[in-house]
């Protein structure tokens, strides 16, 4: 049985195009905060990330968190919230059974508190031990977490109790060249979490081999533009230096490039690449 995938966008940030690729220039473009709704036969609805929400603006009100919003200006309306878009599709918040988090940056988790009944699946290393989910960190910790795009106050206080570590899930071969095995979300190979190191601790992608259309690989922030893996057009050095592990990130992008060459049927979807998201939405119907 296939998985129905809907790609939705909950707000966007504005940034110079060169931020995502060297050849992009200085014009400001949208970086969509993409999330996915998965309709899996036999399972409650599943989300991959949540995009922005109004809570993001509360979390980035004080200093130093406000620096996050100043460096990456965000545009968001209530109608773009994950809850609003899911409601229009007939999915109330308490019906969502699982939220998979690619990583814990603010543009991926800002809507998480809106799904209080959902199991949360994430990588164990994604949560630093010195932070308390749902609480504003002390100044010294706040500087460090903000610098890395992490806003702990966006997390639900019961995050740990509701979480499943992806590493605890059974392993299964992905069948994807260069990506080996992943963590089987439902034990049947329909949704497989794939480690994509480099951008953030415990960063995960989601491999969906059987959908209503072509196979889909949601790669989160493994790269920010399709040209990174199609032509090697990576971000400039200052941007790469801000990443958690630039060498690991570059290696992940190279594996995505090899995948794109060997499996052109696979829709590789970076969360913030408007062109990739639009192409996938069209292909999936």
Protein backbone atom coordinates (compact mmCIF):
# COMPACT_ATOMS: atom_id res chain seq x y z
CA UNK A 1 0.00 0.00 0.00
CA UNK A 2 1.27 3.44 -0.90
CA UNK A 3 1.64 6.56 1.23
CA UNK A 4 -0.17 9.70 0.12
CA UNK A 5 2.16 12.69 0.46
CA UNK A 6 1.04 16.31 0.59
CA UNK A 7 3.71 19.02 0.70
CA UNK A 8 2.56 22.18 2.46
CA UNK A 9 4.29 25.46 3.35
CA UNK A 10 3.89 27.18 6.73
CA UNK A 11 5.44 30.60 6.19
CA UNK A 12 8.79 31.53 4.70
CA UNK A 13 11.95 33.45 5.46
CA UNK A 14 13.58 35.98 3.16
CA UNK A 15 17.27 35.82 2.38
CA UNK A 16 19.75 36.67 -0.34
CA UNK A 17 19.78 33.94 -2.96
CA UNK A 18 23.53 33.45 -2.55
CA UNK A 19 22.78 32.12 0.96
CA UNK A 20 21.73 28.81 -0.63
CA UNK A 21 24.07 28.74 -3.65
CA UNK A 22 27.16 30.69 -4.71
CA UNK A 23 25.76 31.69 -8.11
CA UNK A 24 22.52 33.03 -6.66
CA UNK A 25 23.36 36.70 -6.36
CA UNK A 26 22.11 39.26 -3.85
CA UNK A 27 18.41 39.38 -4.72
CA UNK A 28 16.17 38.31 -1.84
CA UNK A 29 14.16 35.16 -2.37
CA UNK A 30 11.72 33.08 -0.36
CA UNK A 31 12.90 30.10 1.64
CA UNK A 32 9.65 28.15 2.19
CA UNK A 33 9.18 26.39 5.53
CA UNK A 34 7.92 23.14 4.06
CA UNK A 35 6.25 20.39 6.02
CA UNK A 36 4.59 17.20 4.83
CA UNK A 37 1.36 15.44 5.65
CA UNK A 38 1.54 11.69 5.17
CA UNK A 39 -1.60 9.63 4.92
CA UNK A 40 -0.47 6.08 5.68
CA UNK A 41 -3.05 3.28 5.42
CA UNK A 42 -3.59 1.78 8.87
CA UNK A 43 -1.94 4.70 10.69
CA UNK A 44 -3.09 8.05 12.09
CA UNK A 45 -1.89 11.05 10.03
CA UNK A 46 1.85 11.72 10.14
CA UNK A 47 3.71 15.02 9.83
CA UNK A 48 7.29 15.57 8.76
CA UNK A 49 8.24 18.84 10.49
CA UNK A 50 5.72 21.62 11.17
CA UNK A 51 7.04 24.88 9.67
CA UNK A 52 6.56 28.25 11.35
CA UNK A 53 3.78 29.26 13.73
CA UNK A 54 2.87 32.42 15.65
CA UNK A 55 4.94 31.04 18.55
CA UNK A 56 8.08 31.71 16.56
CA UNK A 57 7.56 35.45 16.94
CA UNK A 58 7.05 35.14 20.71
CA UNK A 59 10.17 33.01 21.03
CA UNK A 60 12.27 35.48 19.05
CA UNK A 61 11.02 38.60 20.87
CA UNK A 62 13.77 39.01 23.50
CA UNK A 63 17.52 39.28 23.03
CA UNK A 64 19.50 37.24 21.96
CA UNK A 65 16.76 35.17 20.29
CA UNK A 66 15.68 38.25 18.36
CA UNK A 67 18.89 38.01 16.34
CA UNK A 68 17.45 34.89 14.69
CA UNK A 69 14.51 36.86 13.29
CA UNK A 70 16.67 39.83 12.29
CA UNK A 71 19.09 37.68 10.31
CA UNK A 72 16.33 35.59 8.72
CA UNK A 73 13.21 37.79 8.40
CA UNK A 74 10.07 35.66 8.47
CA UNK A 75 6.72 36.18 6.75
CA UNK A 76 3.83 34.18 8.19
CA UNK A 77 0.07 34.46 8.39
CA UNK A 78 -2.35 32.48 10.61
CA UNK A 79 -3.83 30.82 7.51
CA UNK A 80 -0.41 29.29 6.81
CA UNK A 81 -0.16 27.54 10.18
CA UNK A 82 0.01 23.75 9.97
CA UNK A 83 -3.14 23.50 12.08
CA UNK A 84 -5.07 25.78 9.71
CA UNK A 85 -3.96 23.94 6.58
CA UNK A 86 -4.60 20.52 8.08
CA UNK A 87 -8.01 21.66 9.30
CA UNK A 88 -8.91 22.62 5.74
CA UNK A 89 -8.04 19.05 4.76
CA UNK A 90 -10.23 17.61 7.51
CA UNK A 91 -7.38 16.72 9.89
CA UNK A 92 -7.82 18.22 13.40
CA UNK A 93 -4.67 18.65 15.53
CA UNK A 94 -5.52 15.84 17.95
CA UNK A 95 -5.89 13.40 15.03
CA UNK A 96 -2.18 13.62 14.16
CA UNK A 97 -0.57 10.46 15.45
CA UNK A 98 3.12 11.09 14.76
CA UNK A 99 5.33 14.11 14.11
CA UNK A 100 8.75 13.30 12.69
CA UNK A 101 11.34 16.05 13.20
CA UNK A 102 14.16 16.33 10.70
CA UNK A 103 16.01 18.42 13.30
CA UNK A 104 15.23 21.00 15.98
CA UNK A 105 15.74 24.35 14.26
CA UNK A 106 12.99 26.89 14.84
CA UNK A 107 11.60 26.88 11.29
CA UNK A 108 10.97 23.13 11.56
CA UNK A 109 9.48 22.87 15.07
CA UNK A 110 7.56 26.11 15.64
CA UNK A 111 4.19 24.38 15.24
CA UNK A 112 5.03 21.32 17.32
CA UNK A 113 3.09 22.37 20.43
CA UNK A 114 -0.09 22.44 18.35
CA UNK A 115 -0.14 18.62 18.22
CA UNK A 116 -0.33 17.57 21.88
CA UNK A 117 -1.48 14.00 21.22
CA UNK A 118 1.22 13.08 18.71
CA UNK A 119 4.17 10.80 19.25
CA UNK A 120 7.35 12.71 18.38
CA UNK A 121 10.10 10.90 16.51
CA UNK A 122 13.52 12.51 16.47
CA UNK A 123 17.18 11.64 16.71
CA UNK A 124 18.45 11.41 20.28
CA UNK A 125 21.50 13.67 19.70
CA UNK A 126 19.24 16.46 18.41
CA UNK A 127 18.42 17.66 21.95
CA UNK A 128 21.39 19.21 23.81
CA UNK A 129 21.57 17.99 27.43
CA UNK A 130 21.86 21.51 28.85
CA UNK A 131 18.45 22.71 27.64
CA UNK A 132 15.00 22.18 29.10
CA UNK A 133 12.27 21.68 26.48
CA UNK A 134 9.62 24.38 26.60
CA UNK A 135 11.69 26.74 28.76
CA UNK A 136 13.64 29.84 27.81
CA UNK A 137 17.32 29.05 28.39
CA UNK A 138 19.62 31.18 30.50
CA UNK A 139 21.57 33.90 28.71
CA UNK A 140 24.80 31.98 28.13
CA UNK A 141 23.00 28.92 26.77
CA UNK A 142 20.57 31.13 24.82
CA UNK A 143 23.43 32.72 22.88
CA UNK A 144 24.73 29.33 21.85
CA UNK A 145 21.36 27.81 20.96
CA UNK A 146 20.24 30.90 19.02
CA UNK A 147 23.48 30.90 17.05
CA UNK A 148 22.60 27.38 15.92
CA UNK A 149 18.96 28.18 15.08
CA UNK A 150 17.56 26.31 18.09
CA UNK A 151 14.78 27.80 20.25
CA UNK A 152 14.04 25.36 23.13
CA UNK A 153 10.93 27.30 24.18
CA UNK A 154 9.20 26.10 21.00
CA UNK A 155 9.39 22.50 22.20
CA UNK A 156 6.59 21.01 24.33
CA UNK A 157 7.63 20.54 27.98
CA UNK A 158 6.77 16.84 27.73
CA UNK A 159 8.99 16.34 24.66
CA UNK A 160 11.11 13.61 26.23
CA UNK A 161 8.11 11.65 27.52
CA UNK A 162 6.44 11.76 24.11
CA UNK A 163 9.56 11.10 22.05
CA UNK A 164 10.79 8.02 20.30
CA UNK A 165 14.48 8.03 19.39
CA UNK A 166 14.82 7.12 15.72
CA UNK A 167 17.74 4.87 16.67
CA UNK A 168 15.32 2.65 18.60
CA UNK A 169 13.34 1.82 15.46
CA UNK A 170 14.14 -1.33 13.46
CA UNK A 171 16.67 -1.01 10.67
CA UNK A 172 15.81 -1.69 7.04
CA UNK A 173 17.72 -1.34 3.78
CA UNK A 174 16.69 1.81 1.93
CA UNK A 175 17.63 0.53 -1.51
CA UNK A 176 19.02 4.01 -2.21
CA UNK A 177 22.56 4.09 -3.65
CA UNK A 178 24.92 5.47 -1.03
CA UNK A 179 22.45 5.52 1.85
CA UNK A 180 22.51 1.96 3.18
CA UNK A 181 20.01 1.28 5.95
CA UNK A 182 17.57 3.55 7.75
CA UNK A 183 15.11 3.45 10.62
CA UNK A 184 11.76 1.89 9.70
CA UNK A 185 9.00 4.14 11.04
CA UNK A 186 6.15 1.61 10.78
CA UNK A 187 8.01 -1.68 10.38
CA UNK A 188 6.93 -2.24 6.78
CA UNK A 189 9.36 -0.18 4.70
CA UNK A 190 6.82 2.47 3.68
CA UNK A 191 8.50 5.31 5.61
CA UNK A 192 12.20 5.12 6.44
CA UNK A 193 14.18 7.69 8.43
CA UNK A 194 17.63 8.22 6.94
CA UNK A 195 20.51 9.92 8.78
CA UNK A 196 21.76 12.94 6.79
CA UNK A 197 24.63 14.34 8.87
CA UNK A 198 26.12 17.80 8.65
CA UNK A 199 23.50 20.50 9.05
CA UNK A 200 22.48 19.82 12.65
CA UNK A 201 22.96 17.10 15.29
CA UNK A 202 20.94 14.01 14.43
CA UNK A 203 19.60 15.45 11.18
CA UNK A 204 17.14 13.05 9.48
CA UNK A 205 15.56 12.68 6.08
CA UNK A 206 12.46 10.63 5.24
CA UNK A 207 12.47 8.10 2.39
CA UNK A 208 9.06 7.22 0.95
CA UNK A 209 9.53 4.60 -1.77
CA UNK A 210 5.81 4.06 -2.49
CA UNK A 211 3.64 7.15 -2.87
CA UNK A 212 0.70 8.18 -5.04
CA UNK A 213 3.28 9.18 -7.64
CA UNK A 214 7.06 9.00 -7.82
CA UNK A 215 9.25 7.94 -4.88
CA UNK A 216 9.96 10.86 -2.54
CA UNK A 217 13.03 11.63 -0.42
CA UNK A 218 12.39 14.50 1.99
CA UNK A 219 15.89 15.70 2.89
CA UNK A 220 15.13 18.60 5.25
CA UNK A 221 18.11 20.96 5.40
CA UNK A 222 20.68 18.51 4.04
CA UNK A 223 20.91 21.17 1.34
CA UNK A 224 18.94 24.34 0.66
CA UNK A 225 18.65 24.25 -3.13
CA UNK A 226 18.36 21.52 -5.74
CA UNK A 227 21.35 22.97 -7.64
CA UNK A 228 23.55 21.89 -4.73
CA UNK A 229 23.13 18.23 -5.65
CA UNK A 230 22.37 18.68 -9.37
CA UNK A 231 25.36 20.87 -10.28
CA UNK A 232 27.48 21.30 -7.15
CA UNK A 233 26.33 24.88 -6.62
CA UNK A 234 26.87 24.97 -2.84
CA UNK A 235 26.47 27.92 -0.46
CA UNK A 236 29.46 30.28 -0.18
CA UNK A 237 32.19 29.57 2.36
CA UNK A 238 30.92 31.95 5.09
CA UNK A 239 27.55 30.19 5.05
CA UNK A 240 29.13 26.73 5.05
CA UNK A 241 31.20 27.82 8.06
CA UNK A 242 28.00 28.41 10.02
CA UNK A 243 26.87 24.82 9.54
CA UNK A 244 27.42 22.35 12.34
CA UNK A 245 29.79 20.12 10.37
CA UNK A 246 30.65 21.55 6.92
CA UNK A 247 32.67 18.49 5.83
CA UNK A 248 29.87 16.10 6.78
CA UNK A 249 27.35 18.37 5.06
CA UNK A 250 29.38 18.39 1.85
CA UNK A 251 29.65 14.59 1.96
CA UNK A 252 25.88 14.29 2.38
CA UNK A 253 25.29 16.58 -0.61
CA UNK A 254 27.67 14.47 -2.69
CA UNK A 255 25.67 11.35 -1.84
CA UNK A 256 22.48 13.15 -2.87
CA UNK A 257 24.20 14.09 -6.14
CA UNK A 258 25.07 10.45 -6.80
CA UNK A 259 21.49 9.48 -6.00
CA UNK A 260 20.12 12.08 -8.42
CA UNK A 261 22.36 10.69 -11.17
CA UNK A 262 21.51 7.04 -10.56
CA UNK A 263 17.82 7.40 -9.63
CA UNK A 264 16.30 10.28 -11.62
CA UNK A 265 12.86 8.90 -10.78
CA UNK A 266 13.27 9.92 -7.11
CA UNK A 267 11.90 13.32 -6.08
CA UNK A 268 14.60 14.75 -3.79
CA UNK A 269 12.94 17.57 -1.83
CA UNK A 270 15.00 20.01 0.30
CA UNK A 271 12.67 21.79 2.73
CA UNK A 272 13.61 25.32 1.66
CA UNK A 273 13.96 24.90 -2.12
CA UNK A 274 10.88 26.47 -3.69
CA UNK A 275 11.60 24.90 -7.09
CA UNK A 276 11.91 21.39 -5.64
CA UNK A 277 8.75 21.76 -3.56
CA UNK A 278 6.74 23.05 -6.54
CA UNK A 279 8.00 20.25 -8.80
CA UNK A 280 7.16 17.61 -6.20
CA UNK A 281 3.69 19.07 -5.59
CA UNK A 282 2.97 18.92 -9.31
CA UNK A 283 4.31 15.38 -9.67
CA UNK A 284 2.35 14.11 -6.67
CA UNK A 285 -0.92 15.80 -7.64
